[in-house]
Structures are given as structure tokens and as C-alpha cells.
Amino acid sequence: MKKFLFISSLLCSIFVLSQSKYTEAQVEKSNDPQVIANFVKYNPNNPKTPEFKRKLYSLIAGKGSTAAQPKVTNLTKRKLEKEVRRDLKDGSNDRNKKTAAVLTHLFNNDPSDKNAYIQIVNNSSCNLIMKISGKKYYNLTIPARNNNFIMVEKGTYALSSSVCDAKYSSVKSVTRDIVITLNNPKYIKK
């Protein structure tokens, strides 16, 4: 009889502990990812679970998370000239072709130009590959603490990468030359 009571109390405690310790109302008001994740984990059939999953994702991928947050700035002709001159000293053939295309673009003052220059500055301590998808698809490799650039047709592009295991994903409307700077995620110590 003692064994039966012990086993039944153990099963009851497991059942009670396996339930979420938060109510639906608490989760709606909370911005704590642990609270939301606990509710989603233990209540997968709740009608509000998809909404809570979206909320959890936005909290995790938003500011203050381990997701890479870029700094996007407009590129001036002066900065572009400086980058191109530095790249010309590099001397690699493929790079020279890209640099020639950028120089042509730089000195072309035609506002109806269909191309734009995207420079990715990687300030992180990890090498990365930026996937750029839109009208065409590109994979741009950027070494750690370095930069790379690409000429693309103006339009909307989805950019995604992994910066030291932190996911970066963004949709950019490229209507003029831009620079995107990626830094180390906040959880990585330099």
C-alpha cells in the first residue's frame, strides 16, 4: 500500500509540475521570454499559442537580444572613393573587376542608374557569408574585421547571415548606395 501511495503521489506531482505555472492572462501581459516559452511548451494546443510564439520570437529577435543588430548608414561619394582606392591596392583580379564597376558607378551621376552599391562591414570576430536575395541571388563573403561590397540592381532584398552564431536577417529597400555594419553580438566578449 505504501508503494502505491508513493507512486501515485509521484505521478501526481509530475503531472502538476509538467503544467505551465503561468496563466494565459499572465503571458499576455508579460515580456519575459521564459514566461512565454514555458506557457508555449506546456500548452501547445491552446488557441493563443501561435500568437505567443510570434511574441516570443519578436522578443528574442528584437533589441537587447543575441541577434545581430546592424548599423545602416548612407554612403557618401567621398567614402566610396576612399574604399575603392584602398581596394585598388589589393590587386586581385576579381576584385579589380568589381572595383571597376564601382568606379564606373561612382562617376556616373545619372539618377536613373539602375544599380546601387552595398558595402558590408564586418566588425565581428567571425567570418561570415551574407546571403542577399531579391531580383538576383548573391553570397558575399566577408572576413572577420574586414569588409566587402557588391553592386546590385536597385530593389528590395532580403539579407541574412550568422554573425558568430547570432542570426541576422533584414529586408532592405536598396534605392541608393548603403553601408551595413555588423558588430559582435552582445553576448560575445571581445
N, C-alpha and C. Protein backbone atom coordinates (compact mmCIF):
# COMPACT_ATOMS: atom_id res chain seq x y z
N MET A 1 0.81 -1.18 0.00
CA MET A 1 0.00 0.00 0.00
C MET A 1 0.86 1.26 0.00
N LYS A 2 1.97 1.21 0.73
CA LYS A 2 2.88 2.37 0.78
C LYS A 2 3.46 2.63 -0.60
N LYS A 3 3.80 1.55 -1.31
CA LYS A 3 4.35 1.72 -2.66
C LYS A 3 3.32 2.38 -3.57
N PHE A 4 2.08 1.96 -3.46
CA PHE A 4 1.03 2.53 -4.29
C PHE A 4 0.86 4.02 -3.99
N LEU A 5 0.84 4.40 -2.74
CA LEU A 5 0.72 5.81 -2.37
C LEU A 5 1.93 6.62 -2.85
N PHE A 6 3.10 6.03 -2.71
CA PHE A 6 4.32 6.71 -3.15
C PHE A 6 4.29 6.94 -4.66
N ILE A 7 3.95 5.91 -5.43
CA ILE A 7 3.93 6.02 -6.89
C ILE A 7 2.83 6.98 -7.33
N SER A 8 1.65 6.90 -6.71
CA SER A 8 0.57 7.80 -7.10
C SER A 8 0.90 9.26 -6.76
N SER A 9 1.52 9.49 -5.61
CA SER A 9 1.92 10.86 -5.27
C SER A 9 3.01 11.36 -6.21
N LEU A 10 3.91 10.49 -6.60
CA LEU A 10 4.97 10.85 -7.54
C LEU A 10 4.37 11.23 -8.89
N LEU A 11 3.44 10.41 -9.39
CA LEU A 11 2.80 10.70 -10.67
C LEU A 11 1.99 11.99 -10.61
N CYS A 12 1.30 12.22 -9.51
CA CYS A 12 0.53 13.46 -9.37
C CYS A 12 1.45 14.68 -9.36
N SER A 13 2.56 14.57 -8.66
CA SER A 13 3.49 15.71 -8.61
C SER A 13 4.12 15.97 -9.97
N ILE A 14 4.42 14.90 -10.71
CA ILE A 14 4.97 15.08 -12.06
C ILE A 14 3.93 15.75 -12.95
N PHE A 15 2.67 15.31 -12.84
CA PHE A 15 1.61 15.91 -13.65
C PHE A 15 1.42 17.38 -13.32
N VAL A 16 1.43 17.69 -12.04
CA VAL A 16 1.26 19.09 -11.62
C VAL A 16 2.45 19.93 -12.07
N LEU A 17 3.65 19.40 -11.94
CA LEU A 17 4.85 20.15 -12.33
C LEU A 17 4.98 20.28 -13.83
N SER A 18 4.38 19.35 -14.58
CA SER A 18 4.51 19.42 -16.03
C SER A 18 3.58 20.46 -16.64
N GLN A 19 2.66 21.00 -15.88
CA GLN A 19 1.77 22.04 -16.37
C GLN A 19 2.47 23.40 -16.24
N SER A 20 2.09 24.29 -17.12
CA SER A 20 2.65 25.64 -17.06
C SER A 20 2.26 26.30 -15.75
N LYS A 21 3.20 27.00 -15.17
CA LYS A 21 2.89 27.69 -13.93
C LYS A 21 2.36 29.09 -14.18
N TYR A 22 2.10 29.43 -15.45
CA TYR A 22 1.60 30.75 -15.80
C TYR A 22 0.25 30.62 -16.49
N THR A 23 -0.59 31.60 -16.27
CA THR A 23 -1.91 31.62 -16.92
C THR A 23 -1.80 32.37 -18.24
N GLU A 24 -2.83 32.22 -19.03
CA GLU A 24 -2.89 32.91 -20.32
C GLU A 24 -2.83 34.43 -20.14
N ALA A 25 -3.51 34.94 -19.14
CA ALA A 25 -3.52 36.38 -18.87
C ALA A 25 -2.13 36.88 -18.47
N GLN A 26 -1.41 36.08 -17.68
CA GLN A 26 -0.06 36.47 -17.28
C GLN A 26 0.86 36.53 -18.49
N VAL A 27 0.72 35.57 -19.38
CA VAL A 27 1.57 35.52 -20.57
C VAL A 27 1.26 36.70 -21.49
N GLU A 28 -0.01 37.07 -21.61
CA GLU A 28 -0.36 38.21 -22.47
C GLU A 28 0.27 39.50 -21.97
N LYS A 29 0.37 39.67 -20.66
CA LYS A 29 0.93 40.89 -20.08
C LYS A 29 2.45 40.87 -20.00
N SER A 30 3.04 39.68 -20.03
CA SER A 30 4.47 39.54 -19.79
C SER A 30 5.31 39.81 -21.03
N ASN A 31 6.50 40.34 -20.80
CA ASN A 31 7.51 40.48 -21.85
C ASN A 31 8.74 39.66 -21.52
N ASP A 32 8.59 38.72 -20.61
CA ASP A 32 9.68 37.83 -20.22
C ASP A 32 9.66 36.60 -21.11
N PRO A 33 10.71 36.37 -21.92
CA PRO A 33 10.73 35.22 -22.81
C PRO A 33 10.57 33.88 -22.09
N GLN A 34 11.07 33.75 -20.86
CA GLN A 34 10.96 32.49 -20.13
C GLN A 34 9.51 32.19 -19.79
N VAL A 35 8.74 33.21 -19.42
CA VAL A 35 7.33 33.03 -19.08
C VAL A 35 6.57 32.55 -20.32
N ILE A 36 6.81 33.22 -21.44
CA ILE A 36 6.10 32.88 -22.67
C ILE A 36 6.51 31.50 -23.16
N ALA A 37 7.80 31.20 -23.13
CA ALA A 37 8.29 29.89 -23.58
C ALA A 37 7.72 28.77 -22.72
N ASN A 38 7.62 29.00 -21.41
CA ASN A 38 7.06 27.98 -20.51
C ASN A 38 5.61 27.70 -20.89
N PHE A 39 4.83 28.75 -21.13
CA PHE A 39 3.43 28.56 -21.47
C PHE A 39 3.29 27.84 -22.80
N VAL A 40 4.09 28.23 -23.80
CA VAL A 40 4.03 27.61 -25.12
C VAL A 40 4.42 26.14 -25.03
N LYS A 41 5.41 25.84 -24.24
CA LYS A 41 5.90 24.46 -24.12
C LYS A 41 4.83 23.55 -23.53
N TYR A 42 4.16 24.00 -22.49
CA TYR A 42 3.22 23.14 -21.79
C TYR A 42 1.78 23.29 -22.26
N ASN A 43 1.52 24.20 -23.19
CA ASN A 43 0.16 24.39 -23.72
C ASN A 43 0.20 24.51 -25.24
N PRO A 44 0.69 23.49 -25.94
CA PRO A 44 0.83 23.60 -27.40
C PRO A 44 -0.52 23.65 -28.13
N ASN A 45 -1.60 23.20 -27.51
CA ASN A 45 -2.90 23.18 -28.18
C ASN A 45 -3.77 24.38 -27.83
N ASN A 46 -3.26 25.29 -27.05
CA ASN A 46 -4.01 26.48 -26.69
C ASN A 46 -4.21 27.33 -27.95
N PRO A 47 -5.40 27.91 -28.15
CA PRO A 47 -5.64 28.70 -29.37
C PRO A 47 -4.75 29.95 -29.48
N LYS A 48 -4.21 30.43 -28.38
CA LYS A 48 -3.35 31.62 -28.43
C LYS A 48 -1.87 31.27 -28.54
N THR A 49 -1.54 29.99 -28.58
CA THR A 49 -0.12 29.59 -28.67
C THR A 49 0.58 30.17 -29.89
N PRO A 50 -0.01 30.16 -31.10
CA PRO A 50 0.70 30.78 -32.24
C PRO A 50 1.00 32.26 -32.02
N GLU A 51 0.06 32.96 -31.41
CA GLU A 51 0.28 34.39 -31.11
C GLU A 51 1.43 34.55 -30.12
N PHE A 52 1.46 33.68 -29.11
CA PHE A 52 2.53 33.75 -28.11
C PHE A 52 3.88 33.37 -28.72
N LYS A 53 3.88 32.46 -29.68
CA LYS A 53 5.14 32.10 -30.36
C LYS A 53 5.68 33.30 -31.12
N ARG A 54 4.80 34.04 -31.80
CA ARG A 54 5.24 35.24 -32.52
C ARG A 54 5.79 36.29 -31.54
N LYS A 55 5.10 36.43 -30.42
CA LYS A 55 5.55 37.38 -29.41
C LYS A 55 6.91 36.98 -28.87
N LEU A 56 7.10 35.69 -28.62
CA LEU A 56 8.38 35.18 -28.13
C LEU A 56 9.48 35.43 -29.15
N TYR A 57 9.19 35.15 -30.41
CA TYR A 57 10.20 35.37 -31.45
C TYR A 57 10.57 36.85 -31.55
N SER A 58 9.57 37.73 -31.48
CA SER A 58 9.88 39.15 -31.59
C SER A 58 10.70 39.64 -30.39
N LEU A 59 10.44 39.05 -29.21
CA LEU A 59 11.23 39.43 -28.04
C LEU A 59 12.67 38.95 -28.17
N ILE A 60 12.82 37.75 -28.68
CA ILE A 60 14.17 37.18 -28.81
C ILE A 60 14.94 37.86 -29.93
N ALA A 61 14.28 38.14 -31.05
CA ALA A 61 14.97 38.74 -32.20
C ALA A 61 15.04 40.25 -32.13
N GLY A 62 14.36 40.85 -31.16
CA GLY A 62 14.33 42.30 -31.06
C GLY A 62 15.56 42.86 -30.40
N LYS A 63 15.49 44.12 -30.03
CA LYS A 63 16.62 44.80 -29.39
C LYS A 63 16.96 44.15 -28.07
N GLY A 64 18.22 44.14 -27.73
CA GLY A 64 18.66 43.57 -26.47
C GLY A 64 18.80 42.07 -26.51
N SER A 65 18.69 41.48 -27.68
CA SER A 65 18.83 40.04 -27.77
C SER A 65 20.20 39.69 -28.32
N THR A 66 20.39 38.41 -28.57
CA THR A 66 21.65 37.98 -29.16
C THR A 66 21.63 38.09 -30.67
N ALA A 67 20.55 38.56 -31.25
CA ALA A 67 20.50 38.73 -32.69
C ALA A 67 21.41 39.88 -33.08
N ALA A 68 22.02 39.76 -34.22
CA ALA A 68 22.92 40.80 -34.70
C ALA A 68 22.11 42.01 -35.12
N GLN A 69 22.44 43.17 -34.63
CA GLN A 69 21.75 44.39 -34.97
C GLN A 69 22.69 45.25 -35.81
N PRO A 70 22.35 45.48 -37.08
CA PRO A 70 23.25 46.23 -37.94
C PRO A 70 23.08 47.73 -37.77
N LYS A 71 24.08 48.42 -38.22
CA LYS A 71 24.02 49.87 -38.30
C LYS A 71 24.06 50.20 -39.78
N VAL A 72 22.99 50.76 -40.30
CA VAL A 72 22.90 51.08 -41.72
C VAL A 72 23.06 52.58 -41.88
N THR A 73 24.03 52.97 -42.72
CA THR A 73 24.26 54.38 -42.97
C THR A 73 24.32 54.62 -44.47
N ASN A 74 24.00 55.83 -44.87
CA ASN A 74 24.11 56.18 -46.27
C ASN A 74 25.58 56.35 -46.62
N LEU A 75 25.91 56.06 -47.83
CA LEU A 75 27.28 56.10 -48.28
C LEU A 75 27.50 57.36 -49.11
N THR A 76 28.48 58.14 -48.73
CA THR A 76 28.80 59.35 -49.49
C THR A 76 29.79 58.99 -50.58
N LYS A 77 29.85 59.82 -51.59
CA LYS A 77 30.79 59.60 -52.70
C LYS A 77 32.24 59.59 -52.18
N ARG A 78 32.52 60.42 -51.20
CA ARG A 78 33.87 60.51 -50.64
C ARG A 78 34.29 59.20 -49.98
N LYS A 79 33.38 58.64 -49.17
CA LYS A 79 33.67 57.36 -48.51
C LYS A 79 33.86 56.26 -49.55
N LEU A 80 33.04 56.28 -50.57
CA LEU A 80 33.13 55.27 -51.62
C LEU A 80 34.46 55.37 -52.35
N GLU A 81 34.87 56.59 -52.67
CA GLU A 81 36.17 56.77 -53.33
C GLU A 81 37.30 56.23 -52.47
N LYS A 82 37.25 56.50 -51.17
CA LYS A 82 38.29 56.03 -50.24
C LYS A 82 38.35 54.50 -50.22
N GLU A 83 37.19 53.87 -50.16
CA GLU A 83 37.13 52.40 -50.15
C GLU A 83 37.66 51.82 -51.46
N VAL A 84 37.29 52.43 -52.57
CA VAL A 84 37.73 51.93 -53.87
C VAL A 84 39.24 52.07 -54.02
N ARG A 85 39.80 53.20 -53.59
CA ARG A 85 41.26 53.39 -53.66
C ARG A 85 41.98 52.33 -52.84
N ARG A 86 41.45 52.05 -51.65
CA ARG A 86 42.05 51.04 -50.79
C ARG A 86 41.97 49.66 -51.46
N ASP A 87 40.85 49.39 -52.11
CA ASP A 87 40.68 48.10 -52.78
C ASP A 87 41.57 47.97 -54.01
N LEU A 88 41.86 49.09 -54.68
CA LEU A 88 42.73 49.03 -55.84
C LEU A 88 44.14 48.58 -55.46
N LYS A 89 44.57 48.91 -54.26
CA LYS A 89 45.89 48.49 -53.79
C LYS A 89 45.96 46.99 -53.58
N ASP A 90 44.78 46.35 -53.38
CA ASP A 90 44.69 44.91 -53.12
C ASP A 90 45.25 44.12 -54.31
N GLY A 91 44.82 44.45 -55.54
CA GLY A 91 45.40 43.85 -56.73
C GLY A 91 44.80 42.53 -57.19
N SER A 92 43.76 42.01 -56.56
CA SER A 92 43.21 40.74 -57.02
C SER A 92 42.34 40.97 -58.25
N ASN A 93 42.34 40.01 -59.18
CA ASN A 93 41.65 40.16 -60.47
C ASN A 93 40.15 40.35 -60.33
N ASP A 94 39.48 39.44 -59.60
CA ASP A 94 38.04 39.54 -59.43
C ASP A 94 37.68 40.83 -58.72
N ARG A 95 38.48 41.16 -57.76
CA ARG A 95 38.25 42.39 -57.01
C ARG A 95 38.42 43.60 -57.93
N ASN A 96 39.38 43.54 -58.85
CA ASN A 96 39.59 44.65 -59.79
C ASN A 96 38.38 44.86 -60.69
N LYS A 97 37.74 43.77 -61.12
CA LYS A 97 36.55 43.89 -61.96
C LYS A 97 35.42 44.54 -61.17
N LYS A 98 35.25 44.09 -59.94
CA LYS A 98 34.22 44.69 -59.09
C LYS A 98 34.53 46.15 -58.83
N THR A 99 35.80 46.45 -58.59
CA THR A 99 36.21 47.83 -58.31
C THR A 99 35.97 48.71 -59.54
N ALA A 100 36.23 48.19 -60.73
CA ALA A 100 35.98 48.94 -61.95
C ALA A 100 34.49 49.25 -62.10
N ALA A 101 33.65 48.29 -61.77
CA ALA A 101 32.21 48.51 -61.85
C ALA A 101 31.78 49.58 -60.85
N VAL A 102 32.37 49.55 -59.66
CA VAL A 102 32.04 50.56 -58.64
C VAL A 102 32.53 51.93 -59.07
N LEU A 103 33.72 52.00 -59.65
CA LEU A 103 34.24 53.29 -60.13
C LEU A 103 33.34 53.86 -61.22
N THR A 104 32.91 53.02 -62.13
CA THR A 104 32.00 53.48 -63.19
C THR A 104 30.72 54.01 -62.56
N HIS A 105 30.22 53.27 -61.58
CA HIS A 105 29.01 53.70 -60.88
C HIS A 105 29.24 55.00 -60.13
N LEU A 106 30.40 55.12 -59.51
CA LEU A 106 30.73 56.29 -58.71
C LEU A 106 30.73 57.57 -59.54
N PHE A 107 31.31 57.50 -60.72
CA PHE A 107 31.43 58.70 -61.54
C PHE A 107 30.24 58.90 -62.47
N ASN A 108 29.28 57.98 -62.41
CA ASN A 108 28.06 58.12 -63.19
C ASN A 108 27.05 58.89 -62.32
N ASN A 109 26.78 60.12 -62.64
CA ASN A 109 25.87 60.94 -61.85
C ASN A 109 24.43 60.84 -62.33
N ASP A 110 24.12 59.83 -63.10
CA ASP A 110 22.78 59.64 -63.64
C ASP A 110 21.84 59.13 -62.55
N PRO A 111 20.80 59.92 -62.18
CA PRO A 111 19.88 59.46 -61.13
C PRO A 111 19.03 58.27 -61.56
N SER A 112 18.95 58.02 -62.85
CA SER A 112 18.15 56.88 -63.32
C SER A 112 19.00 55.60 -63.40
N ASP A 113 20.19 55.63 -62.81
CA ASP A 113 21.05 54.45 -62.78
C ASP A 113 20.32 53.32 -62.07
N LYS A 114 20.33 52.13 -62.63
CA LYS A 114 19.59 51.01 -62.08
C LYS A 114 20.36 50.22 -61.03
N ASN A 115 21.62 50.57 -60.80
CA ASN A 115 22.44 49.83 -59.85
C ASN A 115 22.73 50.63 -58.59
N ALA A 116 22.99 49.90 -57.53
CA ALA A 116 23.36 50.51 -56.25
C ALA A 116 24.49 49.68 -55.65
N TYR A 117 25.26 50.31 -54.79
CA TYR A 117 26.43 49.71 -54.15
C TYR A 117 26.04 49.37 -52.72
N ILE A 118 26.29 48.13 -52.32
CA ILE A 118 26.08 47.72 -50.93
C ILE A 118 27.43 47.29 -50.38
N GLN A 119 27.83 47.94 -49.31
CA GLN A 119 29.06 47.55 -48.62
C GLN A 119 28.68 46.96 -47.28
N ILE A 120 29.24 45.79 -46.97
CA ILE A 120 29.01 45.14 -45.68
C ILE A 120 30.32 45.23 -44.90
N VAL A 121 30.28 45.87 -43.73
CA VAL A 121 31.44 45.99 -42.86
C VAL A 121 31.24 44.99 -41.73
N ASN A 122 32.18 44.07 -41.60
CA ASN A 122 32.10 43.03 -40.57
C ASN A 122 33.06 43.39 -39.44
N ASN A 123 32.55 43.99 -38.38
CA ASN A 123 33.37 44.34 -37.22
C ASN A 123 33.45 43.20 -36.22
N SER A 124 32.81 42.07 -36.53
CA SER A 124 32.81 40.95 -35.59
C SER A 124 34.12 40.17 -35.69
N SER A 125 34.28 39.24 -34.77
CA SER A 125 35.49 38.42 -34.75
C SER A 125 35.30 37.12 -35.52
N CYS A 126 34.22 37.01 -36.29
CA CYS A 126 33.92 35.79 -37.05
C CYS A 126 33.77 36.11 -38.54
N ASN A 127 34.23 35.18 -39.38
CA ASN A 127 33.99 35.30 -40.81
C ASN A 127 32.50 35.07 -41.04
N LEU A 128 31.95 35.70 -42.08
CA LEU A 128 30.54 35.47 -42.36
C LEU A 128 30.28 35.49 -43.85
N ILE A 129 29.14 34.92 -44.20
CA ILE A 129 28.65 34.93 -45.58
C ILE A 129 27.29 35.59 -45.55
N MET A 130 27.16 36.70 -46.26
CA MET A 130 25.88 37.41 -46.33
C MET A 130 25.13 36.89 -47.55
N LYS A 131 23.93 36.38 -47.31
CA LYS A 131 23.07 35.91 -48.40
C LYS A 131 22.14 37.07 -48.75
N ILE A 132 22.20 37.48 -50.01
CA ILE A 132 21.40 38.59 -50.49
C ILE A 132 20.46 38.04 -51.56
N SER A 133 19.16 38.12 -51.31
CA SER A 133 18.21 37.58 -52.27
C SER A 133 17.15 38.61 -52.60
N GLY A 134 16.83 38.68 -53.87
CA GLY A 134 15.84 39.63 -54.37
C GLY A 134 15.63 39.35 -55.83
N LYS A 135 15.92 40.35 -56.67
CA LYS A 135 15.82 40.13 -58.11
C LYS A 135 16.82 39.07 -58.55
N LYS A 136 17.97 39.08 -57.93
CA LYS A 136 19.01 38.06 -58.15
C LYS A 136 19.48 37.60 -56.78
N TYR A 137 20.25 36.53 -56.75
CA TYR A 137 20.74 35.96 -55.50
C TYR A 137 22.26 36.05 -55.46
N TYR A 138 22.78 36.47 -54.31
CA TYR A 138 24.21 36.63 -54.14
C TYR A 138 24.64 36.04 -52.80
N ASN A 139 25.85 35.52 -52.74
CA ASN A 139 26.50 35.14 -51.49
C ASN A 139 27.78 35.96 -51.41
N LEU A 140 27.87 36.81 -50.42
CA LEU A 140 29.01 37.70 -50.28
C LEU A 140 29.80 37.30 -49.04
N THR A 141 31.05 36.91 -49.22
CA THR A 141 31.88 36.52 -48.08
C THR A 141 32.57 37.76 -47.52
N ILE A 142 32.56 37.86 -46.20
CA ILE A 142 33.20 38.99 -45.53
C ILE A 142 34.07 38.44 -44.41
N PRO A 143 35.38 38.58 -44.51
CA PRO A 143 36.27 38.10 -43.45
C PRO A 143 36.06 38.87 -42.15
N ALA A 144 36.49 38.28 -41.06
CA ALA A 144 36.38 38.93 -39.75
C ALA A 144 37.15 40.25 -39.77
N ARG A 145 36.56 41.26 -39.16
CA ARG A 145 37.15 42.59 -39.05
C ARG A 145 37.59 43.14 -40.42
N ASN A 146 36.72 42.96 -41.41
CA ASN A 146 37.02 43.40 -42.77
C ASN A 146 35.70 43.81 -43.42
N ASN A 147 35.74 44.09 -44.72
CA ASN A 147 34.53 44.46 -45.43
C ASN A 147 34.56 43.91 -46.84
N ASN A 148 33.41 43.94 -47.48
CA ASN A 148 33.29 43.54 -48.88
C ASN A 148 32.11 44.31 -49.46
N PHE A 149 32.04 44.39 -50.77
CA PHE A 149 30.99 45.15 -51.40
C PHE A 149 30.47 44.42 -52.62
N ILE A 150 29.31 44.86 -53.07
CA ILE A 150 28.69 44.26 -54.25
C ILE A 150 27.81 45.31 -54.92
N MET A 151 27.73 45.23 -56.22
CA MET A 151 26.82 46.07 -56.99
C MET A 151 25.57 45.25 -57.27
N VAL A 152 24.42 45.81 -56.96
CA VAL A 152 23.16 45.12 -57.21
C VAL A 152 22.20 46.04 -57.95
N GLU A 153 21.23 45.45 -58.60
CA GLU A 153 20.19 46.23 -59.23
C GLU A 153 19.29 46.78 -58.12
N LYS A 154 18.88 48.04 -58.23
CA LYS A 154 18.05 48.64 -57.20
C LYS A 154 16.76 47.84 -57.03
N GLY A 155 16.35 47.71 -55.79
CA GLY A 155 15.13 46.96 -55.48
C GLY A 155 15.13 46.55 -54.02
N THR A 156 14.25 45.62 -53.69
CA THR A 156 14.12 45.14 -52.33
C THR A 156 14.85 43.80 -52.20
N TYR A 157 15.68 43.70 -51.17
CA TYR A 157 16.49 42.50 -50.96
C TYR A 157 16.36 42.01 -49.53
N ALA A 158 16.36 40.71 -49.39
CA ALA A 158 16.41 40.09 -48.06
C ALA A 158 17.86 39.73 -47.79
N LEU A 159 18.39 40.21 -46.68
CA LEU A 159 19.77 39.94 -46.30
C LEU A 159 19.75 39.04 -45.08
N SER A 160 20.55 37.99 -45.10
CA SER A 160 20.61 37.11 -43.93
C SER A 160 22.02 36.56 -43.78
N SER A 161 22.38 36.34 -42.53
CA SER A 161 23.70 35.82 -42.21
C SER A 161 23.69 35.32 -40.78
N SER A 162 24.81 34.79 -40.38
CA SER A 162 25.00 34.38 -39.00
C SER A 162 26.29 35.04 -38.53
N VAL A 163 26.16 35.94 -37.55
CA VAL A 163 27.31 36.67 -37.02
C VAL A 163 27.70 36.01 -35.70
N CYS A 164 28.75 35.20 -35.73
CA CYS A 164 29.20 34.48 -34.54
C CYS A 164 28.03 33.74 -33.90
N ASP A 165 27.30 32.98 -34.68
CA ASP A 165 26.15 32.17 -34.26
C ASP A 165 24.92 32.98 -33.87
N ALA A 166 24.92 34.28 -34.05
CA ALA A 166 23.72 35.10 -33.84
C ALA A 166 23.12 35.36 -35.22
N LYS A 167 21.86 35.10 -35.35
CA LYS A 167 21.20 35.25 -36.65
C LYS A 167 20.95 36.72 -36.97
N TYR A 168 21.22 37.08 -38.21
CA TYR A 168 20.91 38.40 -38.72
C TYR A 168 20.02 38.21 -39.93
N SER A 169 18.91 38.92 -39.96
CA SER A 169 18.00 38.85 -41.09
C SER A 169 17.32 40.20 -41.21
N SER A 170 17.27 40.71 -42.43
CA SER A 170 16.68 42.02 -42.64
C SER A 170 16.22 42.14 -44.08
N VAL A 171 15.22 42.96 -44.30
CA VAL A 171 14.76 43.27 -45.65
C VAL A 171 15.06 44.74 -45.88
N LYS A 172 15.81 45.02 -46.93
CA LYS A 172 16.22 46.39 -47.24
C LYS A 172 15.69 46.79 -48.62
N SER A 173 15.19 47.99 -48.70
CA SER A 173 14.83 48.57 -49.98
C SER A 173 16.05 49.37 -50.44
N VAL A 174 16.76 48.84 -51.40
CA VAL A 174 18.01 49.46 -51.85
C VAL A 174 17.67 50.41 -53.00
N THR A 175 17.67 51.70 -52.67
CA THR A 175 17.39 52.72 -53.68
C THR A 175 18.60 53.60 -53.95
N ARG A 176 19.63 53.46 -53.10
CA ARG A 176 20.88 54.20 -53.30
C ARG A 176 21.99 53.44 -52.58
N ASP A 177 23.21 53.92 -52.69
CA ASP A 177 24.36 53.25 -52.09
C ASP A 177 24.24 53.24 -50.57
N ILE A 178 24.52 52.08 -49.96
CA ILE A 178 24.43 51.97 -48.49
C ILE A 178 25.60 51.17 -47.94
N VAL A 179 25.85 51.38 -46.65
CA VAL A 179 26.84 50.61 -45.90
C VAL A 179 26.10 49.96 -44.73
N ILE A 180 26.31 48.66 -44.54
CA ILE A 180 25.72 47.95 -43.41
C ILE A 180 26.87 47.46 -42.55
N THR A 181 26.86 47.86 -41.28
CA THR A 181 27.92 47.49 -40.35
C THR A 181 27.39 46.47 -39.36
N LEU A 182 28.05 45.32 -39.28
CA LEU A 182 27.67 44.27 -38.34
C LEU A 182 28.74 44.16 -37.27
N ASN A 183 28.32 44.13 -36.02
CA ASN A 183 29.24 44.05 -34.89
C ASN A 183 29.11 42.69 -34.22
N ASN A 184 29.98 42.45 -33.24
CA ASN A 184 29.87 41.24 -32.43
C ASN A 184 28.53 41.25 -31.70
N PRO A 185 27.88 40.10 -31.59
CA PRO A 185 26.67 40.06 -30.76
C PRO A 185 27.02 40.43 -29.33
N LYS A 186 26.04 40.89 -28.58
CA LYS A 186 26.29 41.39 -27.22
C LYS A 186 26.78 40.32 -26.27
N TYR A 187 26.46 39.05 -26.53
CA TYR A 187 26.84 38.02 -25.59
C TYR A 187 28.27 37.54 -25.78
N ILE A 188 28.96 38.00 -26.82
CA ILE A 188 30.35 37.57 -27.06
C ILE A 188 31.29 38.62 -26.50
N LYS A 189 32.21 38.18 -25.67
CA LYS A 189 33.20 39.11 -25.11
C LYS A 189 34.36 39.21 -26.07
N LYS A 190 34.85 40.41 -26.21
CA LYS A 190 35.97 40.67 -27.14
C LYS A 190 37.30 40.33 -26.49
